[in-house]
Amino acid sequence: MISLLLDTSNQALSVAVNRNSKMAAEINTNYKKTHSETLVDNIQKVLSIADIKKSEIDRIIVARGPGSYTGVRIGITVAKMLAKQLNVPVYSVSSLFVLAVSNHVTGNTVPLIDARRAHVYGALYNIEEDDYTEVIAPSYVEFKALSADVDEAVYLLNSQEKITIDIDEYTHVTPRISEVERYEKALKLEDADQLVPDYLRISEAERNWQDNQ
């Protein structure tokens, strides 16, 4: 089983090729650059490094969000295009789950993406080596409210992203989407024609439009 995995949810970029759920090649970057400029090139690079032809890909796995509206949309669009071009299934995975498993942290973990205005995209997972339990589903929530519901856990944040919430302790994590295949039940089989980003909230432009109706 050859899987191509893509995460363009935020500033960091993670592209990987897995063979039988084990990483064959991956490229992870953590700097601010438009993913539309680099994603296709990096897909070609990981395939070349792993000595795998595009025609050998059996499935595509993409982070569906939440995250940057533009970033998530780029990854979803490329995943859908490749799935239809290669006639292979496409699976999605929460961008928060990608963060949760990227550092091999076990136990209660709270992956966070700063959403500004004291809010986050967050979830609570109990992570084991080869299994997990979703305790709090991914949501857009005020950070104080989320943290009040959590007793003991490791908070995970990408410290290279802008952090505006009031948080004292957290562990830095850079997303590595190659890790998600250790947890098959986290992957959701999608219809390539129907797959859309999971932003967890509407955009400000959409909200303003609704307010004016």
N, C-alpha and C. Protein backbone atom coordinates (compact mmCIF):
# COMPACT_ATOMS: atom_id res chain seq x y z
N MET A 1 0.85 -1.19 0.00
CA MET A 1 0.00 0.00 0.00
C MET A 1 0.89 1.25 0.00
N ILE A 2 0.77 2.04 -1.05
CA ILE A 2 1.51 3.30 -1.15
C ILE A 2 0.54 4.45 -0.93
N SER A 3 0.84 5.29 0.06
CA SER A 3 -0.01 6.43 0.38
C SER A 3 0.74 7.73 0.19
N LEU A 4 0.09 8.68 -0.42
CA LEU A 4 0.61 10.05 -0.51
C LEU A 4 -0.17 10.88 0.49
N LEU A 5 0.55 11.60 1.38
CA LEU A 5 -0.10 12.34 2.47
C LEU A 5 0.26 13.81 2.38
N LEU A 6 -0.74 14.67 2.57
CA LEU A 6 -0.57 16.11 2.40
C LEU A 6 -1.19 16.88 3.56
N ASP A 7 -0.44 17.85 4.09
CA ASP A 7 -0.98 18.76 5.09
C ASP A 7 -0.49 20.16 4.79
N THR A 8 -1.41 21.02 4.40
CA THR A 8 -1.10 22.43 4.12
C THR A 8 -1.97 23.33 4.99
N SER A 9 -2.34 22.85 6.16
CA SER A 9 -3.36 23.54 6.97
C SER A 9 -2.93 24.91 7.46
N ASN A 10 -1.65 25.07 7.73
CA ASN A 10 -1.17 26.33 8.29
C ASN A 10 0.18 26.70 7.68
N GLN A 11 0.99 27.43 8.42
CA GLN A 11 2.28 27.85 7.90
C GLN A 11 3.17 26.68 7.52
N ALA A 12 3.19 25.66 8.36
CA ALA A 12 4.01 24.48 8.09
C ALA A 12 3.42 23.69 6.93
N LEU A 13 4.31 23.00 6.22
CA LEU A 13 3.91 22.13 5.12
C LEU A 13 4.45 20.74 5.41
N SER A 14 3.61 19.72 5.24
CA SER A 14 4.04 18.35 5.45
C SER A 14 3.56 17.50 4.28
N VAL A 15 4.51 16.89 3.58
CA VAL A 15 4.22 16.03 2.45
C VAL A 15 4.99 14.73 2.67
N ALA A 16 4.32 13.60 2.51
CA ALA A 16 5.00 12.32 2.77
C ALA A 16 4.49 11.25 1.83
N VAL A 17 5.35 10.24 1.64
CA VAL A 17 4.96 9.01 0.97
C VAL A 17 5.20 7.89 1.95
N ASN A 18 4.17 7.12 2.24
CA ASN A 18 4.28 5.97 3.14
C ASN A 18 4.13 4.67 2.34
N ARG A 19 4.92 3.70 2.74
CA ARG A 19 4.78 2.35 2.17
C ARG A 19 4.33 1.43 3.29
N ASN A 20 3.15 0.85 3.15
CA ASN A 20 2.58 -0.02 4.19
C ASN A 20 2.57 0.67 5.55
N SER A 21 2.12 1.93 5.53
CA SER A 21 1.94 2.76 6.74
C SER A 21 3.25 3.21 7.38
N LYS A 22 4.38 2.91 6.75
CA LYS A 22 5.67 3.35 7.26
C LYS A 22 6.24 4.41 6.32
N MET A 23 6.81 5.46 6.91
CA MET A 23 7.31 6.56 6.11
C MET A 23 8.45 6.12 5.18
N ALA A 24 8.30 6.39 3.89
CA ALA A 24 9.35 6.13 2.91
C ALA A 24 10.13 7.40 2.61
N ALA A 25 9.40 8.52 2.56
CA ALA A 25 10.05 9.82 2.35
C ALA A 25 9.10 10.91 2.81
N GLU A 26 9.66 11.98 3.33
CA GLU A 26 8.81 13.10 3.75
C GLU A 26 9.57 14.40 3.65
N ILE A 27 8.83 15.46 3.45
CA ILE A 27 9.37 16.82 3.47
C ILE A 27 8.49 17.62 4.41
N ASN A 28 9.10 18.20 5.42
CA ASN A 28 8.38 19.04 6.39
C ASN A 28 9.07 20.40 6.45
N THR A 29 8.34 21.44 6.19
CA THR A 29 8.89 22.79 6.27
C THR A 29 8.08 23.58 7.28
N ASN A 30 8.68 24.64 7.80
CA ASN A 30 8.01 25.42 8.84
C ASN A 30 8.36 26.90 8.70
N TYR A 31 8.06 27.41 7.51
CA TYR A 31 8.29 28.83 7.28
C TYR A 31 7.15 29.37 6.45
N LYS A 32 6.98 30.68 6.49
CA LYS A 32 5.83 31.30 5.85
C LYS A 32 6.07 31.45 4.35
N LYS A 33 5.39 30.60 3.58
CA LYS A 33 5.45 30.67 2.13
C LYS A 33 4.16 30.08 1.59
N THR A 34 3.67 30.64 0.52
CA THR A 34 2.40 30.17 -0.03
C THR A 34 2.54 28.74 -0.51
N HIS A 35 1.70 27.86 0.00
CA HIS A 35 1.81 26.44 -0.33
C HIS A 35 1.52 26.17 -1.80
N SER A 36 0.76 27.06 -2.43
CA SER A 36 0.49 26.86 -3.85
C SER A 36 1.77 26.94 -4.68
N GLU A 37 2.80 27.58 -4.15
CA GLU A 37 4.06 27.72 -4.86
C GLU A 37 4.96 26.49 -4.69
N THR A 38 4.72 25.70 -3.65
CA THR A 38 5.67 24.64 -3.31
C THR A 38 5.08 23.24 -3.24
N LEU A 39 3.77 23.11 -3.10
CA LEU A 39 3.19 21.79 -2.83
C LEU A 39 3.46 20.79 -3.95
N VAL A 40 3.15 21.15 -5.18
CA VAL A 40 3.32 20.21 -6.29
C VAL A 40 4.78 19.81 -6.45
N ASP A 41 5.69 20.77 -6.33
CA ASP A 41 7.12 20.46 -6.41
C ASP A 41 7.55 19.49 -5.32
N ASN A 42 7.04 19.69 -4.12
CA ASN A 42 7.43 18.82 -3.01
C ASN A 42 6.82 17.43 -3.14
N ILE A 43 5.65 17.33 -3.73
CA ILE A 43 5.08 16.01 -4.01
C ILE A 43 6.00 15.25 -4.97
N GLN A 44 6.45 15.94 -6.00
CA GLN A 44 7.35 15.30 -6.96
C GLN A 44 8.67 14.90 -6.30
N LYS A 45 9.14 15.73 -5.37
CA LYS A 45 10.41 15.43 -4.69
C LYS A 45 10.30 14.20 -3.80
N VAL A 46 9.23 14.09 -3.01
CA VAL A 46 9.13 12.93 -2.12
C VAL A 46 8.96 11.64 -2.91
N LEU A 47 8.22 11.71 -4.02
CA LEU A 47 8.08 10.53 -4.87
C LEU A 47 9.43 10.12 -5.45
N SER A 48 10.21 11.11 -5.85
CA SER A 48 11.53 10.82 -6.40
C SER A 48 12.46 10.23 -5.35
N ILE A 49 12.45 10.82 -4.16
CA ILE A 49 13.30 10.32 -3.07
C ILE A 49 12.95 8.88 -2.73
N ALA A 50 11.65 8.57 -2.72
CA ALA A 50 11.20 7.22 -2.37
C ALA A 50 11.27 6.26 -3.56
N ASP A 51 11.64 6.78 -4.73
CA ASP A 51 11.70 5.98 -5.96
C ASP A 51 10.35 5.33 -6.24
N ILE A 52 9.31 6.16 -6.14
CA ILE A 52 7.95 5.70 -6.37
C ILE A 52 7.34 6.54 -7.49
N LYS A 53 6.70 5.88 -8.44
CA LYS A 53 6.05 6.56 -9.53
C LYS A 53 4.65 7.01 -9.08
N LYS A 54 4.20 8.09 -9.66
CA LYS A 54 2.87 8.58 -9.31
C LYS A 54 1.81 7.52 -9.56
N SER A 55 1.99 6.73 -10.60
CA SER A 55 1.01 5.69 -10.95
C SER A 55 0.95 4.57 -9.91
N GLU A 56 1.94 4.50 -9.01
CA GLU A 56 1.98 3.47 -7.98
C GLU A 56 1.21 3.86 -6.72
N ILE A 57 0.77 5.09 -6.63
CA ILE A 57 0.03 5.56 -5.46
C ILE A 57 -1.30 4.83 -5.36
N ASP A 58 -1.58 4.28 -4.18
CA ASP A 58 -2.83 3.55 -3.96
C ASP A 58 -3.91 4.41 -3.31
N ARG A 59 -3.51 5.41 -2.55
CA ARG A 59 -4.50 6.28 -1.93
C ARG A 59 -3.84 7.59 -1.53
N ILE A 60 -4.68 8.59 -1.33
CA ILE A 60 -4.22 9.92 -0.92
C ILE A 60 -4.89 10.26 0.40
N ILE A 61 -4.09 10.81 1.32
CA ILE A 61 -4.60 11.24 2.62
C ILE A 61 -4.29 12.72 2.76
N VAL A 62 -5.30 13.51 3.11
CA VAL A 62 -5.12 14.96 3.19
C VAL A 62 -5.71 15.49 4.49
N ALA A 63 -5.02 16.45 5.08
CA ALA A 63 -5.55 17.14 6.26
C ALA A 63 -6.67 18.06 5.82
N ARG A 64 -7.85 17.89 6.43
CA ARG A 64 -9.06 18.60 5.98
C ARG A 64 -9.31 19.91 6.72
N GLY A 65 -8.45 20.26 7.68
CA GLY A 65 -8.70 21.42 8.51
C GLY A 65 -9.03 20.98 9.92
N PRO A 66 -9.16 21.93 10.81
CA PRO A 66 -9.20 23.38 10.61
C PRO A 66 -7.80 23.96 10.37
N GLY A 67 -7.78 25.26 10.13
CA GLY A 67 -6.53 25.94 9.90
C GLY A 67 -6.75 27.18 9.05
N SER A 68 -5.71 27.55 8.33
CA SER A 68 -5.81 28.68 7.41
C SER A 68 -6.80 28.36 6.30
N TYR A 69 -7.72 29.28 6.02
CA TYR A 69 -8.70 29.04 4.97
C TYR A 69 -8.02 28.75 3.63
N THR A 70 -7.03 29.56 3.29
CA THR A 70 -6.32 29.37 2.03
C THR A 70 -5.49 28.10 2.06
N GLY A 71 -4.77 27.87 3.15
CA GLY A 71 -3.90 26.71 3.25
C GLY A 71 -4.67 25.41 3.12
N VAL A 72 -5.74 25.26 3.89
CA VAL A 72 -6.54 24.03 3.85
C VAL A 72 -7.10 23.81 2.45
N ARG A 73 -7.58 24.87 1.84
CA ARG A 73 -8.18 24.76 0.51
C ARG A 73 -7.18 24.27 -0.54
N ILE A 74 -5.93 24.71 -0.43
CA ILE A 74 -4.90 24.28 -1.39
C ILE A 74 -4.68 22.78 -1.30
N GLY A 75 -4.51 22.27 -0.08
CA GLY A 75 -4.28 20.84 0.10
C GLY A 75 -5.45 20.01 -0.39
N ILE A 76 -6.67 20.42 -0.04
CA ILE A 76 -7.87 19.70 -0.46
C ILE A 76 -7.99 19.68 -1.98
N THR A 77 -7.74 20.81 -2.61
CA THR A 77 -7.86 20.92 -4.06
C THR A 77 -6.88 19.99 -4.77
N VAL A 78 -5.64 19.99 -4.34
CA VAL A 78 -4.62 19.13 -4.97
C VAL A 78 -4.94 17.66 -4.71
N ALA A 79 -5.38 17.33 -3.51
CA ALA A 79 -5.72 15.94 -3.19
C ALA A 79 -6.86 15.45 -4.07
N LYS A 80 -7.89 16.26 -4.24
CA LYS A 80 -9.02 15.88 -5.09
C LYS A 80 -8.58 15.71 -6.54
N MET A 81 -7.76 16.63 -7.01
CA MET A 81 -7.30 16.58 -8.39
C MET A 81 -6.50 15.29 -8.65
N LEU A 82 -5.60 14.95 -7.73
CA LEU A 82 -4.78 13.76 -7.91
C LEU A 82 -5.61 12.48 -7.77
N ALA A 83 -6.53 12.48 -6.84
CA ALA A 83 -7.37 11.29 -6.64
C ALA A 83 -8.17 10.98 -7.90
N LYS A 84 -8.71 11.99 -8.53
CA LYS A 84 -9.48 11.78 -9.75
C LYS A 84 -8.58 11.45 -10.92
N GLN A 85 -7.44 12.10 -10.99
CA GLN A 85 -6.50 11.84 -12.07
C GLN A 85 -5.97 10.41 -12.03
N LEU A 86 -5.65 9.92 -10.81
CA LEU A 86 -5.07 8.60 -10.65
C LEU A 86 -6.12 7.52 -10.40
N ASN A 87 -7.36 7.95 -10.22
CA ASN A 87 -8.46 7.03 -9.93
C ASN A 87 -8.18 6.21 -8.67
N VAL A 88 -7.82 6.91 -7.61
CA VAL A 88 -7.55 6.26 -6.32
C VAL A 88 -8.42 6.93 -5.25
N PRO A 89 -8.68 6.24 -4.15
CA PRO A 89 -9.50 6.83 -3.08
C PRO A 89 -8.76 7.95 -2.36
N VAL A 90 -9.52 8.88 -1.82
CA VAL A 90 -8.95 9.96 -1.02
C VAL A 90 -9.55 9.90 0.38
N TYR A 91 -8.69 10.01 1.36
CA TYR A 91 -9.09 10.00 2.76
C TYR A 91 -8.73 11.36 3.37
N SER A 92 -9.50 11.78 4.35
CA SER A 92 -9.18 13.02 5.07
C SER A 92 -8.91 12.70 6.54
N VAL A 93 -8.20 13.61 7.18
CA VAL A 93 -7.89 13.48 8.60
C VAL A 93 -7.89 14.88 9.20
N SER A 94 -8.32 15.00 10.43
CA SER A 94 -8.33 16.31 11.09
C SER A 94 -6.91 16.85 11.21
N SER A 95 -6.74 18.11 10.91
CA SER A 95 -5.44 18.76 11.06
C SER A 95 -5.00 18.77 12.52
N LEU A 96 -5.96 18.79 13.43
CA LEU A 96 -5.63 18.73 14.85
C LEU A 96 -5.10 17.34 15.23
N PHE A 97 -5.65 16.30 14.62
CA PHE A 97 -5.14 14.96 14.90
C PHE A 97 -3.72 14.81 14.37
N VAL A 98 -3.43 15.41 13.24
CA VAL A 98 -2.05 15.39 12.73
C VAL A 98 -1.09 15.95 13.78
N LEU A 99 -1.44 17.09 14.35
CA LEU A 99 -0.61 17.68 15.40
C LEU A 99 -0.50 16.76 16.60
N ALA A 100 -1.59 16.13 16.97
CA ALA A 100 -1.64 15.30 18.18
C ALA A 100 -0.67 14.13 18.13
N VAL A 101 -0.43 13.60 16.94
CA VAL A 101 0.41 12.39 16.84
C VAL A 101 1.80 12.67 16.27
N SER A 102 2.11 13.91 15.98
CA SER A 102 3.36 14.21 15.29
C SER A 102 4.60 14.10 16.17
N ASN A 103 4.44 14.25 17.49
CA ASN A 103 5.60 14.23 18.40
C ASN A 103 5.72 12.93 19.18
N HIS A 104 4.89 11.95 18.86
CA HIS A 104 4.88 10.68 19.59
C HIS A 104 4.61 10.88 21.08
N VAL A 105 3.82 11.90 21.40
CA VAL A 105 3.39 12.11 22.78
C VAL A 105 2.22 11.17 23.06
N THR A 106 2.24 10.50 24.21
CA THR A 106 1.13 9.62 24.57
C THR A 106 0.38 10.18 25.78
N GLY A 107 -0.80 9.64 26.02
CA GLY A 107 -1.64 10.15 27.09
C GLY A 107 -2.54 11.25 26.58
N ASN A 108 -3.03 12.08 27.48
CA ASN A 108 -3.93 13.16 27.09
C ASN A 108 -3.18 14.28 26.40
N THR A 109 -3.56 14.56 25.18
CA THR A 109 -2.92 15.61 24.40
C THR A 109 -3.97 16.56 23.87
N VAL A 110 -3.65 17.85 23.90
CA VAL A 110 -4.56 18.89 23.41
C VAL A 110 -3.86 19.65 22.29
N PRO A 111 -4.07 19.27 21.04
CA PRO A 111 -3.49 20.02 19.93
C PRO A 111 -4.27 21.32 19.73
N LEU A 112 -3.55 22.40 19.50
CA LEU A 112 -4.17 23.72 19.38
C LEU A 112 -3.68 24.44 18.14
N ILE A 113 -4.58 25.16 17.51
CA ILE A 113 -4.25 26.11 16.46
C ILE A 113 -4.85 27.44 16.88
N ASP A 114 -4.02 28.45 17.00
CA ASP A 114 -4.50 29.76 17.45
C ASP A 114 -5.47 30.33 16.41
N ALA A 115 -6.64 30.74 16.88
CA ALA A 115 -7.66 31.28 15.98
C ALA A 115 -7.93 32.77 16.24
N ARG A 116 -7.06 33.41 17.05
CA ARG A 116 -7.17 34.83 17.38
C ARG A 116 -8.38 35.11 18.27
N ARG A 117 -8.41 36.31 18.82
CA ARG A 117 -9.51 36.78 19.66
C ARG A 117 -9.81 35.81 20.81
N ALA A 118 -8.73 35.29 21.42
CA ALA A 118 -8.81 34.40 22.58
C ALA A 118 -9.41 33.04 22.26
N HIS A 119 -9.57 32.73 20.99
CA HIS A 119 -10.15 31.46 20.57
C HIS A 119 -9.08 30.56 19.94
N VAL A 120 -9.39 29.28 19.92
CA VAL A 120 -8.50 28.29 19.29
C VAL A 120 -9.35 27.28 18.53
N TYR A 121 -8.69 26.57 17.65
CA TYR A 121 -9.20 25.29 17.18
C TYR A 121 -8.51 24.27 18.07
N GLY A 122 -9.27 23.45 18.74
CA GLY A 122 -8.66 22.52 19.68
C GLY A 122 -9.45 21.24 19.81
N ALA A 123 -8.79 20.24 20.40
CA ALA A 123 -9.41 18.95 20.65
C ALA A 123 -8.66 18.31 21.80
N LEU A 124 -9.21 17.23 22.33
CA LEU A 124 -8.53 16.45 23.36
C LEU A 124 -8.55 14.98 22.95
N TYR A 125 -7.35 14.42 22.82
CA TYR A 125 -7.21 13.01 22.49
C TYR A 125 -6.41 12.31 23.57
N ASN A 126 -6.79 11.07 23.84
CA ASN A 126 -5.94 10.21 24.65
C ASN A 126 -5.21 9.29 23.67
N ILE A 127 -3.91 9.52 23.54
CA ILE A 127 -3.12 8.85 22.52
C ILE A 127 -2.35 7.67 23.12
N GLU A 128 -2.50 6.51 22.50
CA GLU A 128 -1.68 5.36 22.82
C GLU A 128 -0.76 5.09 21.63
N GLU A 129 0.11 4.11 21.75
CA GLU A 129 1.09 3.87 20.69
C GLU A 129 0.42 3.47 19.39
N ASP A 130 -0.67 2.70 19.46
CA ASP A 130 -1.32 2.25 18.24
C ASP A 130 -2.84 2.41 18.28
N ASP A 131 -3.32 3.26 19.16
CA ASP A 131 -4.75 3.51 19.26
C ASP A 131 -4.96 4.89 19.89
N TYR A 132 -6.19 5.36 19.87
CA TYR A 132 -6.49 6.65 20.50
C TYR A 132 -7.97 6.73 20.81
N THR A 133 -8.30 7.65 21.73
CA THR A 133 -9.69 7.96 22.04
C THR A 133 -9.90 9.46 21.87
N GLU A 134 -10.93 9.83 21.16
CA GLU A 134 -11.27 11.24 21.02
C GLU A 134 -12.15 11.63 22.20
N VAL A 135 -11.60 12.41 23.11
CA VAL A 135 -12.31 12.81 24.32
C VAL A 135 -13.14 14.07 24.07
N ILE A 136 -12.53 15.06 23.42
CA ILE A 136 -13.23 16.28 23.01
C ILE A 136 -13.01 16.44 21.51
N ALA A 137 -14.08 16.48 20.76
CA ALA A 137 -13.97 16.56 19.30
C ALA A 137 -13.41 17.91 18.87
N PRO A 138 -12.75 17.97 17.72
CA PRO A 138 -12.25 19.24 17.20
C PRO A 138 -13.33 20.30 17.16
N SER A 139 -12.98 21.48 17.66
CA SER A 139 -13.98 22.55 17.71
C SER A 139 -13.30 23.90 17.71
N TYR A 140 -14.09 24.91 17.39
CA TYR A 140 -13.66 26.30 17.51
C TYR A 140 -14.21 26.81 18.83
N VAL A 141 -13.32 27.19 19.75
CA VAL A 141 -13.76 27.43 21.12
C VAL A 141 -12.85 28.46 21.79
N GLU A 142 -13.38 29.15 22.77
CA GLU A 142 -12.54 30.05 23.57
C GLU A 142 -11.55 29.20 24.35
N PHE A 143 -10.28 29.59 24.33
CA PHE A 143 -9.24 28.77 24.95
C PHE A 143 -9.50 28.56 26.44
N LYS A 144 -9.96 29.58 27.14
CA LYS A 144 -10.23 29.44 28.57
C LYS A 144 -11.30 28.37 28.81
N ALA A 145 -12.30 28.33 27.97
CA ALA A 145 -13.37 27.35 28.13
C ALA A 145 -12.85 25.94 27.87
N LEU A 146 -12.01 25.80 26.86
CA LEU A 146 -11.45 24.47 26.57
C LEU A 146 -10.54 24.00 27.70
N SER A 147 -9.65 24.86 28.13
CA SER A 147 -8.70 24.47 29.18
C SER A 147 -9.41 24.17 30.49
N ALA A 148 -10.55 24.80 30.74
CA ALA A 148 -11.31 24.53 31.97
C ALA A 148 -11.88 23.12 31.97
N ASP A 149 -12.05 22.54 30.78
CA ASP A 149 -12.60 21.19 30.66
C ASP A 149 -11.51 20.12 30.68
N VAL A 150 -10.26 20.55 30.75
CA VAL A 150 -9.13 19.61 30.69
C VAL A 150 -8.43 19.57 32.03
N ASP A 151 -8.28 18.39 32.60
CA ASP A 151 -7.59 18.27 33.89
C ASP A 151 -6.08 18.25 33.71
N GLU A 152 -5.55 17.18 33.15
CA GLU A 152 -4.12 17.08 32.91
C GLU A 152 -3.89 16.63 31.47
N ALA A 153 -3.06 17.39 30.77
CA ALA A 153 -2.79 17.06 29.38
C ALA A 153 -1.57 17.83 28.90
N VAL A 154 -0.98 17.36 27.82
CA VAL A 154 0.09 18.08 27.15
C VAL A 154 -0.54 18.93 26.06
N TYR A 155 -0.30 20.24 26.13
CA TYR A 155 -0.80 21.13 25.10
C TYR A 155 0.24 21.22 23.98
N LEU A 156 -0.22 21.09 22.75
CA LEU A 156 0.67 21.07 21.60
C LEU A 156 0.36 22.26 20.70
N LEU A 157 1.40 23.03 20.41
CA LEU A 157 1.28 24.20 19.54
C LEU A 157 2.52 24.30 18.65
N ASN A 158 2.35 24.80 17.47
CA ASN A 158 3.50 25.13 16.63
C ASN A 158 3.98 26.52 17.03
N SER A 159 5.13 26.58 17.68
CA SER A 159 5.62 27.85 18.22
C SER A 159 6.08 28.82 17.13
N GLN A 160 6.19 28.34 15.89
CA GLN A 160 6.57 29.21 14.79
C GLN A 160 5.38 29.97 14.22
N GLU A 161 4.19 29.57 14.62
CA GLU A 161 2.99 30.31 14.24
C GLU A 161 2.76 31.44 15.25
N LYS A 162 1.95 32.41 14.87
CA LYS A 162 1.61 33.50 15.79
C LYS A 162 0.73 32.95 16.90
N ILE A 163 1.11 33.20 18.16
CA ILE A 163 0.34 32.73 19.30
C ILE A 163 -0.19 33.93 20.07
N THR A 164 -1.50 34.05 20.15
CA THR A 164 -2.11 35.20 20.83
C THR A 164 -2.83 34.80 22.11
N ILE A 165 -3.03 33.50 22.33
CA ILE A 165 -3.76 33.08 23.53
C ILE A 165 -2.85 33.15 24.75
N ASP A 166 -3.44 33.23 25.90
CA ASP A 166 -2.70 33.28 27.17
C ASP A 166 -2.46 31.85 27.65
N ILE A 167 -1.30 31.32 27.32
CA ILE A 167 -0.98 29.94 27.68
C ILE A 167 0.43 29.91 28.28
N ASP A 168 0.58 29.27 29.43
CA ASP A 168 1.86 29.26 30.14
C ASP A 168 2.80 28.17 29.65
N GLU A 169 2.30 26.96 29.50
CA GLU A 169 3.15 25.85 29.12
C GLU A 169 2.55 25.07 27.96
N TYR A 170 3.40 24.78 27.01
CA TYR A 170 2.99 23.95 25.89
C TYR A 170 4.22 23.33 25.26
N THR A 171 4.02 22.30 24.46
CA THR A 171 5.09 21.64 23.75
C THR A 171 5.02 22.02 22.28
N HIS A 172 6.15 22.42 21.73
CA HIS A 172 6.19 22.77 20.31
C HIS A 172 6.00 21.52 19.46
N VAL A 173 5.23 21.65 18.41
CA VAL A 173 5.05 20.53 17.48
C VAL A 173 4.96 21.07 16.06
N THR A 174 5.70 20.43 15.18
CA THR A 174 5.57 20.69 13.75
C THR A 174 4.82 19.52 13.13
N PRO A 175 3.77 19.76 12.38
CA PRO A 175 2.97 18.66 11.84
C PRO A 175 3.79 17.74 10.94
N ARG A 176 3.63 16.44 11.16
CA ARG A 176 4.23 15.39 10.32
C ARG A 176 3.11 14.42 9.95
N ILE A 177 2.53 14.63 8.79
CA ILE A 177 1.35 13.84 8.43
C ILE A 177 1.70 12.38 8.15
N SER A 178 2.97 12.06 7.99
CA SER A 178 3.36 10.66 7.80
C SER A 178 2.94 9.79 8.98
N GLU A 179 2.73 10.40 10.16
CA GLU A 179 2.44 9.64 11.37
C GLU A 179 1.00 9.16 11.48
N VAL A 180 0.09 9.71 10.69
CA VAL A 180 -1.33 9.43 10.94
C VAL A 180 -1.74 8.01 10.56
N GLU A 181 -0.99 7.36 9.69
CA GLU A 181 -1.41 6.01 9.28
C GLU A 181 -1.24 4.97 10.38
N ARG A 182 -0.60 5.37 11.48
CA ARG A 182 -0.56 4.46 12.64
C ARG A 182 -1.96 4.32 13.26
N TYR A 183 -2.87 5.22 12.87
CA TYR A 183 -4.20 5.26 13.46
C TYR A 183 -5.24 5.27 12.33
N GLU A 184 -5.49 4.11 11.78
CA GLU A 184 -6.34 4.00 10.60
C GLU A 184 -7.75 4.55 10.85
N LYS A 185 -8.25 4.38 12.07
CA LYS A 185 -9.63 4.81 12.31
C LYS A 185 -9.78 6.33 12.30
N ALA A 186 -8.67 7.06 12.32
CA ALA A 186 -8.73 8.52 12.23
C ALA A 186 -8.95 9.00 10.80
N LEU A 187 -8.80 8.08 9.84
CA LEU A 187 -8.90 8.43 8.43
C LEU A 187 -10.33 8.24 7.94
N LYS A 188 -10.82 9.22 7.24
CA LYS A 188 -12.21 9.20 6.76
C LYS A 188 -12.22 9.09 5.24
N LEU A 189 -12.82 8.02 4.73
CA LEU A 189 -12.93 7.86 3.28
C LEU A 189 -13.90 8.91 2.74
N GLU A 190 -13.46 9.61 1.70
CA GLU A 190 -14.24 10.71 1.16
C GLU A 190 -14.63 10.44 -0.30
N ASP A 191 -15.67 11.12 -0.74
CA ASP A 191 -16.01 11.21 -2.15
C ASP A 191 -15.23 12.40 -2.71
N ALA A 192 -14.36 12.14 -3.67
CA ALA A 192 -13.50 13.21 -4.19
C ALA A 192 -14.29 14.39 -4.72
N ASP A 193 -15.50 14.12 -5.24
CA ASP A 193 -16.31 15.22 -5.77
C ASP A 193 -16.97 16.04 -4.66
N GLN A 194 -17.16 15.42 -3.50
CA GLN A 194 -17.87 16.08 -2.41
C GLN A 194 -16.96 16.60 -1.30
N LEU A 195 -15.69 16.24 -1.32
CA LEU A 195 -14.76 16.62 -0.24
C LEU A 195 -14.59 18.13 -0.18
N VAL A 196 -14.81 18.68 1.00
CA VAL A 196 -14.63 20.12 1.23
C VAL A 196 -13.86 20.32 2.52
N PRO A 197 -13.18 21.45 2.67
CA PRO A 197 -12.46 21.72 3.92
C PRO A 197 -13.39 21.76 5.12
N ASP A 198 -12.85 21.38 6.26
CA ASP A 198 -13.60 21.45 7.52
C ASP A 198 -13.02 22.59 8.35
N TYR A 199 -13.55 23.79 8.13
CA TYR A 199 -13.00 24.97 8.79
C TYR A 199 -13.44 25.10 10.24
N LEU A 200 -14.52 24.45 10.62
CA LEU A 200 -15.11 24.50 11.96
C LEU A 200 -15.80 25.82 12.27
N ARG A 201 -15.64 26.79 11.40
CA ARG A 201 -16.39 28.05 11.55
C ARG A 201 -16.42 28.72 10.18
N ILE A 202 -17.37 29.61 10.00
CA ILE A 202 -17.46 30.31 8.73
C ILE A 202 -16.44 31.44 8.71
N SER A 203 -16.08 31.89 7.53
CA SER A 203 -15.10 32.96 7.40
C SER A 203 -15.71 34.29 7.82
N GLU A 204 -14.87 35.27 8.07
CA GLU A 204 -15.35 36.59 8.48
C GLU A 204 -16.20 37.21 7.37
N ALA A 205 -15.81 36.99 6.11
CA ALA A 205 -16.56 37.54 4.99
C ALA A 205 -17.96 36.92 4.95
N GLU A 206 -18.04 35.59 5.19
CA GLU A 206 -19.35 34.93 5.21
C GLU A 206 -20.19 35.43 6.37
N ARG A 207 -19.53 35.63 7.52
CA ARG A 207 -20.26 36.10 8.70
C ARG A 207 -20.81 37.50 8.46
N ASN A 208 -20.00 38.37 7.85
CA ASN A 208 -20.46 39.73 7.57
C ASN A 208 -21.62 39.72 6.57
N TRP A 209 -21.54 38.80 5.60
CA TRP A 209 -22.62 38.71 4.61
C TRP A 209 -23.92 38.28 5.29
N GLN A 210 -23.83 37.28 6.19
CA GLN A 210 -25.02 36.82 6.90
C GLN A 210 -25.61 37.93 7.77
N ASP A 211 -24.73 38.69 8.41
CA ASP A 211 -25.21 39.78 9.28
C ASP A 211 -25.96 40.85 8.50
N ASN A 212 -25.59 40.99 7.24
CA ASN A 212 -26.20 42.05 6.43
C ASN A 212 -27.47 41.60 5.71
N GLN A 213 -27.79 40.31 5.84
CA GLN A 213 -28.99 39.81 5.15
C GLN A 213 -30.26 40.09 5.98
